[in-house]
């Protein structure tokens, strides 16, 4: 086990102190107001403002502002009749920031919640400019010092990044979780839509459950605003209708993938001098984008255990967020910038682990550990080519499950072809991005290929460690327009997409999800190839009869292998 650093111990102590009664907090109360704020085209957006208050009332001095821009309704009544307020929850440390002397402001994006207007596309430049205008409006208010920070995770992380791309002068620091770097790759990785942003749109009744702004007690303006939301661009239809990176959307009138990605605006964010802190968790698909974004933006980075936007377990998250904004918005010399740039959860096996620190992103110092696909008495993973041949399967579409929003796939080892390693003789650690390199053929000109890496414990328990996907037709590797960290990159542009003649072999290189995982003695690694995944929401539309048959070829000359990122040292 690696030694636990002083900072991690200090963070644990700070977390314990944070759990003490509220007497240690600066501001126990708050004052709230809500109003409509017009942006540059006159559209009125619903803004909710929370100002810290103590025993003597609301704080009269100017304070820095933390801004959140949400599609999920800043204030609403849930199905049980309970009032829900984003600013008073602490998943993003907002309640803690309010107590620590920050004004917290939460606005509904146009076309959602209590805001007027209709949403064009998904995180388009109109929404980005809306964020810019609201940041500058907040900076000009009498309660504000003129210094604004933004925080968000998932969609809220996207609104934060896109607002940052417009470089509002008042925006000094952002803290962003689980968002995408490249929208095309995020939604249609390898040319295959899956999971993110393909679910049905919320009904207008959800927005009607928003609490009207203070000047609209009878909800007249709320109903008028929500009626406009009927013109929102349908999300799933938008993504399904653009099969290539350079597809022109009939719904937005342009090549919308580039507009909705953050990478085209990376240089302007870097040049702005704005502080950036990115965060995600290992069991969450956006982490593959967050690490690349941190590398390209030079951001601070936190990778925790757990799933989508979960507060990292065993880490003083609220303390980290508060110290970050204290430094960049309040100018406190709290030693924050002297600390290592990267903190990540380092798995120790069997659910244990600790936080490690580094000045480089996870996996950048790992070496390649290669397992070859082969066969002896059964399909195997081995440190050298083993046997010559192929293993085939008919695509099994019967993989759907009841998970509405599964952030991590289940094991599909009964739905494809598997290759197992021998039990590990000693422990070793994997840190970074695995890459699958497989030789395949099919009896159709195109097929979806999914790959998975699993850990099989002594008792047969299977843990999915990493996964990836690629259409046969999208197999061409192209130069990436950013630092892809040495990973294979498939452009998805129409000119780079080509069918694979039936029966002809092709070599696929598939970047998989990053991981931190310790393989324990006696555990086996399992590599799986399948042709369908339960996170494909449109499986019913994709199913072919008869099902395509895919062959995975192995042995000398095929190059079929999986390259694993082996972390050196600290594996005892």
Protein backbone atom coordinates (compact mmCIF):
# COMPACT_ATOMS: atom_id res chain seq x y z
CA UNK A 1 0.00 0.00 0.00
CA UNK A 2 1.32 3.46 -0.79
CA UNK A 3 1.94 5.76 2.10
CA UNK A 4 -0.95 8.10 2.80
CA UNK A 5 0.28 11.63 2.24
CA UNK A 6 0.10 14.39 4.83
CA UNK A 7 -2.40 16.24 2.66
CA UNK A 8 -4.76 13.26 2.58
CA UNK A 9 -4.55 12.96 6.38
CA UNK A 10 -5.21 16.68 6.66
CA UNK A 11 -8.18 16.33 4.32
CA UNK A 12 -9.58 13.52 6.46
CA UNK A 13 -9.20 15.67 9.57
CA UNK A 14 -10.84 18.60 7.80
CA UNK A 15 -13.72 16.32 6.81
CA UNK A 16 -14.18 15.28 10.42
CA UNK A 17 -14.17 18.90 11.54
CA UNK A 18 -16.71 19.73 8.85
CA UNK A 19 -19.09 17.25 10.45
CA UNK A 20 -19.07 19.19 13.75
CA UNK A 21 -22.05 21.36 14.71
CA UNK A 22 -22.75 24.54 12.80
CA UNK A 23 -21.18 26.75 15.45
CA UNK A 24 -17.90 26.51 13.52
CA UNK A 25 -19.53 27.91 10.38
CA UNK A 26 -19.27 31.56 9.42
CA UNK A 27 -22.88 32.07 8.24
CA UNK A 28 -25.68 29.87 9.51
CA UNK A 29 -28.47 31.53 7.53
CA UNK A 30 -29.23 33.03 4.16
CA UNK A 31 -31.56 35.40 2.36
CA UNK A 32 -33.06 34.31 -0.95
CA UNK A 33 -34.55 36.25 -3.83
CA UNK A 34 -35.58 35.25 -7.35
CA UNK A 35 -36.16 37.36 -10.42
CA UNK A 36 -35.99 37.37 -14.20
CA UNK A 37 -32.76 38.63 -15.77
CA UNK A 38 -32.82 39.54 -19.49
CA UNK A 39 -29.83 38.44 -21.59
CA UNK A 40 -28.56 40.09 -24.78
CA UNK A 41 -31.45 39.03 -27.02
CA UNK A 42 -34.03 40.03 -24.40
CA UNK A 43 -34.88 36.48 -23.27
CA UNK A 44 -35.70 36.44 -19.55
CA UNK A 45 -33.91 33.77 -17.51
CA UNK A 46 -34.95 32.81 -13.99
CA UNK A 47 -32.24 33.67 -11.45
CA UNK A 48 -32.21 32.59 -7.80
CA UNK A 49 -29.81 34.40 -5.46
CA UNK A 50 -28.82 33.26 -1.97
CA UNK A 51 -26.89 35.69 0.22
CA UNK A 52 -25.19 34.59 3.45
CA UNK A 53 -26.78 35.80 6.68
CA UNK A 54 -25.81 35.66 10.35
CA UNK A 55 -27.48 36.62 13.61
CA UNK A 56 -27.51 40.27 12.54
CA UNK A 57 -29.13 39.59 9.19
CA UNK A 58 -27.85 39.39 5.63
CA UNK A 59 -24.18 40.19 5.06
CA UNK A 60 -23.93 43.81 3.91
CA UNK A 61 -20.35 43.63 2.61
CA UNK A 62 -19.69 42.68 -0.99
CA UNK A 63 -18.89 38.97 -1.46
CA UNK A 64 -17.68 36.84 -4.37
CA UNK A 65 -20.36 34.90 -6.24
CA UNK A 66 -20.61 31.20 -7.13
CA UNK A 67 -22.85 30.69 -10.15
CA UNK A 68 -24.60 27.49 -11.27
CA UNK A 69 -26.44 27.26 -14.62
CA UNK A 70 -28.85 24.32 -14.70
CA UNK A 71 -31.44 22.60 -16.93
CA UNK A 72 -32.76 20.68 -13.92
CA UNK A 73 -34.76 23.49 -12.25
CA UNK A 74 -33.18 25.68 -9.58
CA UNK A 75 -36.28 25.50 -7.37
CA UNK A 76 -39.18 23.08 -7.81
CA UNK A 77 -41.79 21.03 -6.00
CA UNK A 78 -41.09 17.30 -6.25
CA UNK A 79 -43.67 14.53 -6.66
CA UNK A 80 -44.03 14.28 -2.88
CA UNK A 81 -44.81 17.97 -2.55
CA UNK A 82 -41.39 18.84 -1.11
CA UNK A 83 -39.50 21.98 -2.10
CA UNK A 84 -36.12 21.24 -3.71
CA UNK A 85 -33.49 23.96 -4.03
CA UNK A 86 -30.21 23.34 -5.83
CA UNK A 87 -28.35 26.01 -3.82
CA UNK A 88 -29.20 24.36 -0.50
CA UNK A 89 -27.80 20.95 -1.41
CA UNK A 90 -24.15 20.07 -0.87
CA UNK A 91 -23.39 17.60 -3.65
CA UNK A 92 -21.58 20.51 -5.33
CA UNK A 93 -20.61 22.08 -1.98
CA UNK A 94 -23.09 24.92 -2.56
CA UNK A 95 -24.53 24.96 0.95
CA UNK A 96 -20.99 24.90 2.36
CA UNK A 97 -19.94 27.77 0.09
CA UNK A 98 -22.94 29.80 1.25
CA UNK A 99 -21.90 29.22 4.86
CA UNK A 100 -18.31 30.11 3.97
CA UNK A 101 -19.26 33.60 2.81
CA UNK A 102 -20.14 33.27 -0.88
CA UNK A 103 -23.24 34.46 -2.63
CA UNK A 104 -24.65 31.43 -4.45
CA UNK A 105 -26.69 32.08 -7.61
CA UNK A 106 -28.55 29.41 -9.58
CA UNK A 107 -30.24 30.14 -12.91
CA UNK A 108 -32.37 27.97 -15.18
CA UNK A 109 -31.05 27.75 -18.75
CA UNK A 110 -33.31 29.06 -21.50
CA UNK A 111 -36.00 26.57 -22.42
CA UNK A 112 -35.96 24.85 -19.02
CA UNK A 113 -37.27 25.42 -15.52
CA UNK A 114 -38.87 28.83 -15.06
CA UNK A 115 -36.84 30.52 -17.80
CA UNK A 116 -38.30 31.83 -21.03
CA UNK A 117 -37.15 30.88 -24.51
CA UNK A 118 -36.49 27.59 -26.30
CA UNK A 119 -33.30 25.57 -26.26
CA UNK A 120 -31.56 25.25 -29.63
CA UNK A 121 -29.66 22.01 -29.81
CA UNK A 122 -27.80 21.13 -26.64
CA UNK A 123 -25.23 23.44 -25.05
CA UNK A 124 -25.02 25.64 -28.11
CA UNK A 125 -23.36 29.06 -28.38
CA UNK A 126 -26.59 30.81 -27.44
CA UNK A 127 -26.55 29.02 -24.09
CA UNK A 128 -22.86 29.84 -23.70
CA UNK A 129 -23.52 33.54 -24.32
CA UNK A 130 -26.44 33.42 -21.88
CA UNK A 131 -24.00 32.18 -19.25
CA UNK A 132 -21.60 35.00 -20.13
CA UNK A 133 -24.33 37.62 -19.71
CA UNK A 134 -25.48 36.22 -16.37
CA UNK A 135 -21.91 36.10 -15.00
CA UNK A 136 -21.41 39.74 -15.90
CA UNK A 137 -24.80 40.69 -14.47
CA UNK A 138 -23.96 38.99 -11.16
CA UNK A 139 -20.57 40.74 -11.05
CA UNK A 140 -22.27 44.13 -11.36
CA UNK A 141 -24.72 43.65 -8.48
CA UNK A 142 -24.24 45.61 -5.24
CA UNK A 143 -23.75 42.41 -3.21
CA UNK A 144 -20.85 41.27 -5.43
CA UNK A 145 -17.12 41.93 -5.31
CA UNK A 146 -17.12 41.54 -9.08
CA UNK A 147 -15.35 38.16 -8.89
CA UNK A 148 -17.38 35.15 -9.97
CA UNK A 149 -16.73 31.41 -9.91
CA UNK A 150 -18.76 28.62 -11.48
CA UNK A 151 -19.26 25.02 -10.44
CA UNK A 152 -21.19 22.15 -11.99
CA UNK A 153 -21.23 18.44 -12.78
CA UNK A 154 -22.60 16.57 -15.80
CA UNK A 155 -24.83 18.98 -17.79
CA UNK A 156 -24.02 21.67 -15.23
CA UNK A 157 -20.35 21.02 -15.89
CA UNK A 158 -21.03 21.55 -19.57
CA UNK A 159 -22.77 24.89 -18.99
CA UNK A 160 -19.79 25.90 -16.85
CA UNK A 161 -17.26 24.99 -19.55
CA UNK A 162 -19.22 26.64 -22.33
CA UNK A 163 -19.72 29.80 -20.32
CA UNK A 164 -15.97 29.78 -19.64
CA UNK A 165 -15.36 29.51 -23.40
CA UNK A 166 -16.90 32.98 -23.84
CA UNK A 167 -14.38 34.34 -21.29
CA UNK A 168 -16.57 36.67 -19.21
CA UNK A 169 -14.12 39.15 -17.59
CA UNK A 170 -15.62 38.53 -14.14
CA UNK A 171 -15.26 34.72 -14.30
CA UNK A 172 -12.05 33.90 -12.44
CA UNK A 173 -12.30 30.19 -11.57
CA UNK A 174 -14.35 27.14 -12.53
CA UNK A 175 -14.77 23.72 -10.88
CA UNK A 176 -16.13 21.23 -13.40
CA UNK A 177 -17.22 17.62 -12.94
CA UNK A 178 -18.01 14.74 -15.32
CA UNK A 179 -18.45 16.64 -18.54
CA UNK A 180 -17.33 16.02 -22.10
CA UNK A 181 -14.38 17.36 -24.05
CA UNK A 182 -15.64 16.25 -27.46
CA UNK A 183 -19.43 15.96 -27.79
CA UNK A 184 -19.26 13.67 -30.83
CA UNK A 185 -17.02 11.15 -29.09
CA UNK A 186 -19.05 11.43 -25.91
CA UNK A 187 -22.41 10.61 -27.51
CA UNK A 188 -21.29 8.61 -30.58
CA UNK A 189 -17.98 7.14 -29.51
CA UNK A 190 -16.71 4.99 -32.36
CA UNK A 191 -19.79 5.94 -34.40
CA UNK A 192 -22.16 4.23 -31.93
CA UNK A 193 -24.73 6.12 -29.88
CA UNK A 194 -25.04 4.91 -26.32
CA UNK A 195 -26.31 6.16 -23.00
CA UNK A 196 -25.62 9.87 -22.72
CA UNK A 197 -28.10 12.42 -24.09
CA UNK A 198 -30.22 9.83 -25.92
CA UNK A 199 -32.92 9.48 -23.26
CA UNK A 200 -36.39 11.00 -23.82
CA UNK A 201 -36.87 14.69 -23.04
CA UNK A 202 -38.63 15.60 -19.81
CA UNK A 203 -42.33 16.52 -20.20
CA UNK A 204 -43.36 20.16 -19.86
CA UNK A 205 -45.11 19.24 -16.63
CA UNK A 206 -41.68 18.93 -14.99
CA UNK A 207 -40.91 22.57 -15.75
CA UNK A 208 -44.38 23.60 -14.56
CA UNK A 209 -43.37 22.21 -11.14
CA UNK A 210 -40.78 25.00 -10.92
CA UNK A 211 -41.36 27.62 -8.24
CA UNK A 212 -42.25 30.95 -9.90
CA UNK A 213 -39.97 33.92 -9.31
CA UNK A 214 -40.89 36.27 -6.48
CA UNK A 215 -42.69 38.76 -8.73
CA UNK A 216 -44.88 36.00 -10.22
CA UNK A 217 -46.77 34.60 -7.20
CA UNK A 218 -49.65 33.25 -9.29
CA UNK A 219 -47.37 31.55 -11.84
CA UNK A 220 -48.70 33.48 -14.83
CA UNK A 221 -45.21 34.18 -16.16
CA UNK A 222 -44.10 30.63 -15.36
CA UNK A 223 -46.85 29.16 -17.53
CA UNK A 224 -46.03 31.61 -20.31
CA UNK A 225 -42.33 30.66 -20.12
CA UNK A 226 -42.95 26.90 -20.09
CA UNK A 227 -45.24 27.15 -23.13
CA UNK A 228 -42.18 28.31 -25.07
CA UNK A 229 -40.28 25.14 -24.08
CA UNK A 230 -42.40 23.13 -26.50
CA UNK A 231 -40.07 24.45 -29.21
CA UNK A 232 -36.95 22.95 -27.62
CA UNK A 233 -34.80 20.82 -29.92
CA UNK A 234 -35.46 17.14 -29.11
CA UNK A 235 -32.22 15.72 -27.75
CA UNK A 236 -32.26 12.09 -28.90
CA UNK A 237 -33.49 13.06 -32.37
CA UNK A 238 -30.65 15.58 -32.66
CA UNK A 239 -27.91 13.05 -31.88
CA UNK A 240 -29.39 10.14 -33.84
CA UNK A 241 -29.74 12.34 -36.94
CA UNK A 242 -26.01 13.17 -37.15
CA UNK A 243 -24.10 9.93 -37.84
CA UNK A 244 -20.81 11.66 -38.73
CA UNK A 245 -18.75 14.30 -36.99
CA UNK A 246 -19.28 16.64 -39.93
CA UNK A 247 -23.00 15.88 -40.39
CA UNK A 248 -25.18 18.96 -40.81
CA UNK A 249 -28.19 18.85 -38.51
CA UNK A 250 -31.56 19.62 -40.03
CA UNK A 251 -32.62 20.73 -36.54
CA UNK A 252 -29.87 23.33 -36.01
CA UNK A 253 -28.80 24.05 -39.60
CA UNK A 254 -25.08 23.47 -39.06
CA UNK A 255 -22.40 20.89 -38.25
CA UNK A 256 -23.54 20.91 -34.65
CA UNK A 257 -21.10 18.42 -33.10
CA UNK A 258 -18.28 20.97 -33.25
CA UNK A 259 -20.42 23.76 -31.83
CA UNK A 260 -21.42 21.61 -28.85
CA UNK A 261 -17.94 20.28 -28.05
CA UNK A 262 -15.60 22.20 -25.75
CA UNK A 263 -12.32 21.37 -27.51
CA UNK A 264 -12.66 24.08 -30.22
CA UNK A 265 -12.60 26.70 -27.45
CA UNK A 266 -9.70 25.25 -25.47
CA UNK A 267 -7.14 27.82 -26.57
CA UNK A 268 -9.27 30.77 -25.53
CA UNK A 269 -9.83 29.20 -22.09
CA UNK A 270 -6.09 28.59 -21.67
CA UNK A 271 -5.22 32.12 -22.78
CA UNK A 272 -7.78 33.74 -20.46
CA UNK A 273 -5.81 32.98 -17.30
CA UNK A 274 -8.97 31.57 -15.71
CA UNK A 275 -8.31 28.90 -13.06
CA UNK A 276 -9.71 25.48 -14.01
CA UNK A 277 -10.26 22.42 -11.80
CA UNK A 278 -11.72 19.23 -13.33
CA UNK A 279 -13.21 16.31 -11.45
CA UNK A 280 -14.73 12.92 -12.22
CA UNK A 281 -14.86 9.38 -10.80
CA UNK A 282 -13.38 6.13 -12.08
CA UNK A 283 -16.71 4.32 -12.59
CA UNK A 284 -18.07 6.98 -14.90
CA UNK A 285 -17.69 7.23 -18.67
CA UNK A 286 -17.02 11.02 -18.77
CA UNK A 287 -13.76 10.40 -16.88
CA UNK A 288 -12.19 9.41 -20.19
CA UNK A 289 -12.86 12.96 -21.38
CA UNK A 290 -12.07 14.74 -18.13
CA UNK A 291 -8.50 13.40 -17.97
CA UNK A 292 -7.83 14.38 -21.60
CA UNK A 293 -9.35 17.82 -20.96
CA UNK A 294 -7.17 18.31 -17.88
CA UNK A 295 -4.09 17.42 -19.92
CA UNK A 296 -5.02 19.85 -22.70
CA UNK A 297 -6.08 22.71 -20.43
CA UNK A 298 -3.35 22.25 -17.81
CA UNK A 299 -6.10 21.97 -15.19
CA UNK A 300 -6.01 20.69 -11.68
CA UNK A 301 -7.62 17.25 -11.54
CA UNK A 302 -9.47 15.09 -9.01
CA UNK A 303 -10.51 11.50 -9.81
CA UNK A 304 -12.44 9.75 -7.08
CA UNK A 305 -13.97 6.31 -6.68
CA UNK A 306 -17.65 5.84 -7.40
CA UNK A 307 -20.08 6.74 -10.14
CA UNK A 308 -21.50 9.77 -11.93
CA UNK A 309 -21.16 13.01 -9.93
CA UNK A 310 -20.97 11.13 -6.62
CA UNK A 311 -19.10 13.03 -3.92
CA UNK A 312 -15.70 11.27 -3.72
CA UNK A 313 -15.75 8.95 -0.73
CA UNK A 314 -13.13 9.53 1.96
CA UNK A 315 -12.14 12.93 0.59
CA UNK A 316 -12.94 16.38 2.00
CA UNK A 317 -14.67 17.48 -1.17
CA UNK A 318 -16.42 20.54 0.25
CA UNK A 319 -13.18 21.61 1.88
CA UNK A 320 -11.29 21.25 -1.42
CA UNK A 321 -13.89 23.26 -3.32
CA UNK A 322 -13.97 25.97 -0.67
CA UNK A 323 -10.19 26.29 -0.46
CA UNK A 324 -9.98 26.47 -4.25
CA UNK A 325 -12.45 29.33 -4.50
CA UNK A 326 -11.01 30.99 -1.38
CA UNK A 327 -7.69 31.27 -3.18
CA UNK A 328 -8.93 32.43 -6.57
CA UNK A 329 -11.94 34.53 -5.56
CA UNK A 330 -10.96 35.81 -2.12
CA UNK A 331 -7.21 35.96 -2.69
CA UNK A 332 -6.36 33.85 0.34
CA UNK A 333 -2.80 32.57 0.57
CA UNK A 334 -3.84 29.12 1.77
CA UNK A 335 -1.10 27.11 0.08
CA UNK A 336 -3.50 25.72 -2.51
CA UNK A 337 -1.34 26.42 -5.56
CA UNK A 338 1.73 24.81 -3.97
CA UNK A 339 -0.01 21.44 -3.68
CA UNK A 340 0.30 18.70 -6.35
CA UNK A 341 -1.82 19.29 -9.41
CA UNK A 342 -3.53 15.87 -9.47
CA UNK A 343 -5.28 13.83 -6.78
CA UNK A 344 -6.74 10.43 -7.67
CA UNK A 345 -8.16 7.37 -5.96
CA UNK A 346 -5.59 4.58 -6.12
CA UNK A 347 -7.33 1.22 -5.93
CA UNK A 348 -5.84 -1.37 -3.59
CA UNK A 349 -8.23 -4.21 -4.34
CA UNK A 350 -11.21 -5.64 -2.46
CA UNK A 351 -12.82 -2.22 -2.21
CA UNK A 352 -9.86 -0.64 -0.43
CA UNK A 353 -7.66 2.19 -1.60
CA UNK A 354 -6.23 5.59 -0.83
CA UNK A 355 -5.76 8.94 -2.51
CA UNK A 356 -2.50 9.52 -4.32
CA UNK A 357 -1.04 12.80 -5.55
CA UNK A 358 0.97 13.64 -8.63
CA UNK A 359 1.88 16.50 -10.89
CA UNK A 360 0.89 14.47 -13.98
CA UNK A 361 -2.41 12.91 -15.02
CA UNK A 362 -3.05 9.26 -14.13
CA UNK A 363 -1.36 6.83 -16.47
CA UNK A 364 1.11 9.26 -17.99
CA UNK A 365 3.99 7.38 -16.33
CA UNK A 366 2.60 3.85 -16.76
CA UNK A 367 4.25 1.30 -19.07
CA UNK A 368 2.53 -1.13 -21.42
CA UNK A 369 1.64 -4.62 -20.25
CA UNK A 370 0.44 -6.68 -23.23
CA UNK A 371 -1.82 -9.70 -23.17
CA UNK A 372 -2.33 -11.51 -26.47
CA UNK A 373 -5.54 -13.20 -27.52
CA UNK A 374 -5.08 -16.89 -28.26
CA UNK A 375 -6.34 -20.39 -27.62
CA UNK A 376 -5.12 -23.65 -26.18
CA UNK A 377 -7.75 -25.80 -24.56
CA UNK A 378 -9.85 -22.63 -24.28
CA UNK A 379 -9.68 -18.98 -25.30
CA UNK A 380 -6.87 -17.37 -23.37
CA UNK A 381 -5.06 -14.12 -22.63
CA UNK A 382 -1.34 -14.73 -22.49
CA UNK A 383 1.89 -12.67 -22.39
CA UNK A 384 2.81 -14.04 -25.84
CA UNK A 385 0.84 -15.20 -28.92
CA UNK A 386 -0.78 -18.53 -28.18
CA UNK A 387 -2.37 -20.66 -30.90
CA UNK A 388 -3.73 -19.59 -34.25
CA UNK A 389 -7.36 -19.30 -35.20
CA UNK A 390 -10.53 -17.40 -34.53
CA UNK A 391 -13.48 -17.29 -32.18
CA UNK A 392 -16.82 -16.23 -33.58
CA UNK A 393 -20.26 -15.30 -32.30
CA UNK A 394 -23.60 -14.10 -33.57
CA UNK A 395 -24.53 -10.70 -32.15
CA UNK A 396 -26.88 -11.17 -29.22
CA UNK A 397 -29.32 -8.27 -28.98
CA UNK A 398 -30.98 -9.69 -25.87
CA UNK A 399 -28.84 -7.61 -23.53
CA UNK A 400 -31.28 -4.90 -22.41
CA UNK A 401 -31.85 -4.42 -18.69
CA UNK A 402 -34.09 -2.27 -16.50
CA UNK A 403 -31.49 0.42 -15.79
CA UNK A 404 -32.80 3.77 -17.07
CA UNK A 405 -29.44 5.50 -16.79
CA UNK A 406 -26.68 2.94 -16.21
CA UNK A 407 -23.39 4.83 -15.89
CA UNK A 408 -21.39 1.59 -16.05
CA UNK A 409 -22.21 -1.59 -18.00
CA UNK A 410 -22.89 -4.97 -16.39
CA UNK A 411 -20.83 -7.99 -17.33
CA UNK A 412 -21.76 -9.28 -20.77
CA UNK A 413 -19.64 -12.44 -20.62
CA UNK A 414 -22.61 -14.56 -21.76
CA UNK A 415 -23.24 -12.41 -24.81
CA UNK A 416 -19.98 -12.59 -26.76
CA UNK A 417 -16.62 -14.28 -26.82
CA UNK A 418 -14.29 -14.24 -23.80
CA UNK A 419 -10.55 -14.64 -23.30
CA UNK A 420 -9.28 -15.37 -19.77
CA UNK A 421 -5.79 -14.94 -18.37
CA UNK A 422 -4.15 -17.34 -15.96
CA UNK A 423 -4.58 -16.42 -12.28
CA UNK A 424 -2.21 -13.66 -11.23
CA UNK A 425 0.79 -14.96 -9.29
CA UNK A 426 1.36 -11.62 -7.59
CA UNK A 427 -0.46 -8.33 -7.32
CA UNK A 428 0.00 -5.61 -9.93
CA UNK A 429 -1.61 -2.22 -10.53
CA UNK A 430 -3.21 -0.82 -13.64
CA UNK A 431 -3.44 2.95 -14.04
CA UNK A 432 -4.46 4.75 -17.21
CA UNK A 433 -6.13 3.84 -20.50
CA UNK A 434 -6.21 0.25 -21.83
CA UNK A 435 -6.20 -0.08 -25.63
CA UNK A 436 -7.75 -3.06 -27.40
CA UNK A 437 -6.16 -4.09 -30.69
CA UNK A 438 -8.11 -6.87 -32.36
CA UNK A 439 -8.31 -8.43 -35.81
CA UNK A 440 -11.94 -8.99 -36.79
CA UNK A 441 -14.13 -9.88 -39.74
CA UNK A 442 -17.90 -10.07 -40.16
CA UNK A 443 -20.47 -11.42 -42.57
CA UNK A 444 -21.87 -7.90 -43.02
CA UNK A 445 -20.24 -4.71 -44.27
CA UNK A 446 -20.74 -3.05 -40.89
CA UNK A 447 -21.27 -4.09 -37.31
CA UNK A 448 -20.93 -2.64 -33.82
CA UNK A 449 -18.03 -3.99 -31.77
CA UNK A 450 -17.88 -3.64 -27.99
CA UNK A 451 -14.88 -4.63 -25.86
CA UNK A 452 -14.69 -5.05 -22.10
CA UNK A 453 -11.98 -5.71 -19.53
CA UNK A 454 -13.04 -7.54 -16.38
CA UNK A 455 -11.53 -8.80 -13.13
CA UNK A 456 -12.63 -12.30 -12.11
CA UNK A 457 -12.11 -12.95 -8.39
CA UNK A 458 -11.35 -16.28 -6.73
CA UNK A 459 -15.03 -16.82 -5.97
CA UNK A 460 -16.06 -16.05 -9.57
CA UNK A 461 -17.26 -12.51 -8.87
CA UNK A 462 -16.84 -10.35 -11.98
CA UNK A 463 -16.06 -6.62 -11.93
CA UNK A 464 -16.18 -4.63 -15.18
CA UNK A 465 -13.03 -2.50 -15.20
CA UNK A 466 -13.10 -0.80 -18.59
CA UNK A 467 -14.87 -0.85 -21.94
CA UNK A 468 -14.86 0.66 -25.42
CA UNK A 469 -16.79 0.56 -28.69
CA UNK A 470 -16.23 1.02 -32.42
CA UNK A 471 -18.18 0.47 -35.63
CA UNK A 472 -16.27 -1.53 -38.21
CA UNK A 473 -16.84 1.28 -40.69
CA UNK A 474 -15.21 3.83 -38.36
CA UNK A 475 -11.95 1.87 -37.99
CA UNK A 476 -9.65 4.39 -39.72
CA UNK A 477 -7.25 6.12 -37.31
CA UNK A 478 -6.70 9.84 -37.86
CA UNK A 479 -4.61 12.56 -36.20
CA UNK A 480 -6.53 14.16 -33.34
CA UNK A 481 -6.93 17.97 -33.25
CA UNK A 482 -5.74 17.96 -29.63
CA UNK A 483 -3.29 16.05 -27.44
CA UNK A 484 -4.90 12.60 -27.44
CA UNK A 485 -2.26 11.26 -25.02
CA UNK A 486 -1.12 8.64 -27.53
CA UNK A 487 -4.54 7.00 -27.77
CA UNK A 488 -6.00 5.91 -31.13
CA UNK A 489 -8.46 8.50 -32.45
CA UNK A 490 -11.21 7.91 -34.99
CA UNK A 491 -12.43 11.10 -36.60
CA UNK A 492 -15.96 9.99 -37.45
CA UNK A 493 -15.88 12.30 -40.46
CA UNK A 494 -17.89 10.97 -43.40
CA UNK A 495 -14.83 10.81 -45.68
CA UNK A 496 -13.03 8.58 -43.15
CA UNK A 497 -15.89 6.08 -42.81
CA UNK A 498 -15.92 3.03 -45.07
CA UNK A 499 -17.70 -0.35 -45.04
CA UNK A 500 -15.65 -3.50 -44.49
CA UNK A 501 -16.30 -6.08 -47.24
CA UNK A 502 -17.94 -9.19 -45.80
CA UNK A 503 -15.34 -11.74 -44.68
CA UNK A 504 -12.42 -9.32 -45.00
CA UNK A 505 -10.28 -8.81 -41.90
CA UNK A 506 -9.57 -5.45 -40.33
CA UNK A 507 -7.48 -4.40 -37.36
CA UNK A 508 -9.39 -2.32 -34.83
CA UNK A 509 -7.67 -0.11 -32.25
CA UNK A 510 -10.07 0.91 -29.50
CA UNK A 511 -9.22 3.26 -26.64
CA UNK A 512 -11.02 2.04 -23.52
CA UNK A 513 -12.12 3.78 -20.33
CA UNK A 514 -9.30 4.78 -17.95
CA UNK A 515 -8.97 2.89 -14.69
CA UNK A 516 -7.13 2.52 -11.43
CA UNK A 517 -7.27 -1.11 -10.39
CA UNK A 518 -5.11 -3.49 -8.40
CA UNK A 519 -5.22 -7.08 -9.64
CA UNK A 520 -4.86 -9.33 -6.59
CA UNK A 521 -3.11 -12.71 -6.48
CA UNK A 522 -5.33 -15.46 -7.84
CA UNK A 523 -7.55 -13.06 -9.80
CA UNK A 524 -7.89 -13.43 -13.55
CA UNK A 525 -8.30 -10.76 -16.20
CA UNK A 526 -11.01 -11.34 -18.75
CA UNK A 527 -11.29 -9.68 -22.16
CA UNK A 528 -14.67 -9.82 -23.83
CA UNK A 529 -15.87 -8.92 -27.34
CA UNK A 530 -19.60 -8.44 -27.98
CA UNK A 531 -21.83 -6.87 -30.62
CA UNK A 532 -24.47 -5.07 -28.52
CA UNK A 533 -24.63 -3.27 -25.18
CA UNK A 534 -27.61 -2.56 -22.88
CA UNK A 535 -26.79 1.16 -22.87
CA UNK A 536 -27.77 1.36 -26.55
CA UNK A 537 -31.23 2.86 -26.11
CA UNK A 538 -32.16 2.17 -29.74
CA UNK A 539 -31.42 -1.57 -29.78
CA UNK A 540 -34.86 -2.33 -31.17
CA UNK A 541 -34.06 -0.17 -34.21
CA UNK A 542 -30.59 -1.67 -34.65
CA UNK A 543 -31.46 -5.36 -34.45
CA UNK A 544 -30.80 -7.30 -37.67
CA UNK A 545 -32.30 -10.66 -38.57
CA UNK A 546 -30.37 -12.82 -38.97
CA UNK A 547 -27.90 -11.29 -36.53
CA UNK A 548 -24.44 -10.40 -37.87
CA UNK A 549 -21.68 -12.87 -37.10
CA UNK A 550 -18.34 -11.47 -35.95
CA UNK A 551 -15.06 -13.39 -35.95
CA UNK A 552 -12.15 -12.42 -33.69
CA UNK A 553 -8.87 -13.65 -35.17
CA UNK A 554 -5.84 -14.40 -33.01
CA UNK A 555 -2.35 -15.80 -33.18
CA UNK A 556 0.93 -14.71 -34.78
CA UNK A 557 0.47 -12.03 -37.40
CA UNK A 558 -2.98 -10.92 -36.29
CA UNK A 559 -1.82 -8.44 -33.64
CA UNK A 560 -4.88 -9.24 -31.53
CA UNK A 561 -4.04 -8.11 -28.02
CA UNK A 562 -4.95 -5.77 -25.22
CA UNK A 563 -2.36 -3.23 -24.07
CA UNK A 564 -2.76 -2.47 -20.38
CA UNK A 565 -1.29 0.53 -18.50
CA UNK A 566 0.96 -0.99 -15.82
CA UNK A 567 1.81 1.27 -12.90
CA UNK A 568 5.35 0.71 -11.72
CA UNK A 569 6.11 0.42 -8.00
CA UNK A 570 3.84 0.50 -4.94
CA UNK A 571 2.26 -2.81 -5.88
CA UNK A 572 3.09 -4.78 -2.77
